[in-house]
Protein backbone atom coordinates (compact mmCIF):
# COMPACT_ATOMS: atom_id res chain seq x y z
CA MET A 1 226.00 40.61 -45.41
CA ARG A 2 229.76 40.93 -45.61
CA SER A 3 232.01 38.58 -43.70
CA ARG A 4 233.79 39.70 -40.54
CA ASN A 5 237.21 39.41 -42.20
CA PHE A 6 236.14 41.75 -44.99
CA ILE A 7 234.93 44.39 -42.52
CA VAL A 8 238.10 44.16 -40.43
CA GLY A 9 240.11 44.43 -43.65
CA ILE A 10 238.28 47.61 -44.63
CA ILE A 11 239.00 49.09 -41.20
CA LEU A 12 242.71 48.20 -41.45
CA VAL A 13 243.03 49.61 -44.98
CA THR A 14 241.29 52.81 -43.89
CA ALA A 15 243.60 53.16 -40.89
CA GLY A 16 246.66 52.49 -43.06
CA VAL A 17 245.69 55.03 -45.69
CA ALA A 18 244.84 57.60 -43.01
CA GLY A 19 248.24 57.08 -41.38
CA LEU A 20 250.05 57.54 -44.68
CA VAL A 21 248.00 60.59 -45.64
CA TYR A 22 248.84 62.16 -42.28
CA SER A 23 252.53 61.28 -42.10
CA MET A 24 253.87 61.41 -45.66
CA PRO A 25 253.70 65.21 -46.13
CA ILE A 26 255.43 65.74 -42.79
CA VAL A 27 258.21 63.25 -43.51
CA SER A 28 258.79 64.42 -47.08
CA GLY A 29 258.84 68.07 -45.98
CA ALA A 30 261.33 67.33 -43.22
CA MET A 31 263.57 65.40 -45.58
CA SER A 32 263.52 68.09 -48.28
CA LEU A 33 264.30 70.86 -45.79
CA LYS A 34 267.15 68.85 -44.30
CA SER A 35 268.96 68.21 -47.60
CA LYS A 36 271.41 70.83 -48.78
CA ALA A 37 271.58 72.68 -52.11
CA GLU A 38 273.93 70.26 -53.87
CA PRO A 39 272.08 68.32 -56.57
CA ALA A 40 271.77 64.61 -56.05
CA ALA A 41 272.62 63.96 -59.72
CA LEU A 42 276.22 64.96 -59.03
CA GLY A 43 276.46 62.49 -56.17
CA LYS A 44 277.43 65.22 -53.70
CA ALA A 45 274.12 65.63 -51.90
CA PRO A 46 274.12 64.62 -48.26
CA ILE A 47 271.73 61.89 -47.19
CA PRO A 48 268.80 63.61 -45.50
CA SER A 49 267.84 62.46 -42.05
CA LEU A 50 264.79 63.14 -39.96
CA PRO A 51 264.96 65.57 -37.07
CA SER A 52 264.64 63.86 -33.71
CA SER A 53 261.16 65.35 -33.21
CA ASP A 54 259.81 63.53 -36.29
CA PHE A 55 260.67 59.96 -35.29
CA ALA A 56 257.13 59.40 -33.97
CA ILE A 57 255.70 60.52 -37.31
CA PHE A 58 258.08 58.15 -39.09
CA GLY A 59 256.81 55.35 -36.82
CA ILE A 60 253.24 56.08 -37.90
CA GLU A 61 254.32 55.77 -41.51
CA ILE A 62 256.07 52.46 -40.88
CA ALA A 63 253.09 51.07 -38.94
CA SER A 64 250.68 52.02 -41.73
CA ILE A 65 252.32 49.74 -44.26
CA PRO A 66 251.60 46.42 -42.45
CA ALA A 67 248.06 47.66 -41.76
CA LEU A 68 247.55 48.11 -45.50
CA ILE A 69 248.98 44.68 -46.28
CA ALA A 70 246.97 42.89 -43.59
CA GLY A 71 243.80 44.78 -44.51
CA THR A 72 244.12 43.91 -48.18
CA ALA A 73 244.74 40.25 -47.35
CA LEU A 74 241.75 40.11 -45.00
CA MET A 75 239.52 41.80 -47.55
CA ALA A 76 240.54 39.28 -50.20
CA TYR A 77 240.10 36.35 -47.83
CA GLY A 78 236.74 37.64 -46.63
CA GLN A 79 235.51 38.13 -50.19
CA SER A 80 236.62 34.65 -51.29
CA ASN A 81 235.21 33.12 -48.13
CA ARG A 82 231.86 34.81 -48.74
CA SER A 83 231.64 33.80 -52.41
CA ALA A 84 232.46 30.16 -51.60
CA ARG A 85 229.32 29.73 -49.50
């Protein structure tokens, strides 16, 4: 039987990965469409910004990162807690 921390960690990691899988193609597509034709190597490319309709998607991406970190920490703690018994 796995510890409760390990199970909660798996749920958080799954939610974090799902959030990134959902939001990253949308954010990267919006950023690439927003940038102009000037190559970035020349230093003349404008900094791409998200359209105002994609701020909620960007929030999902930002919220997924702490879920991954917390889930990984809980999984490690749950595994070490279980093996210590």
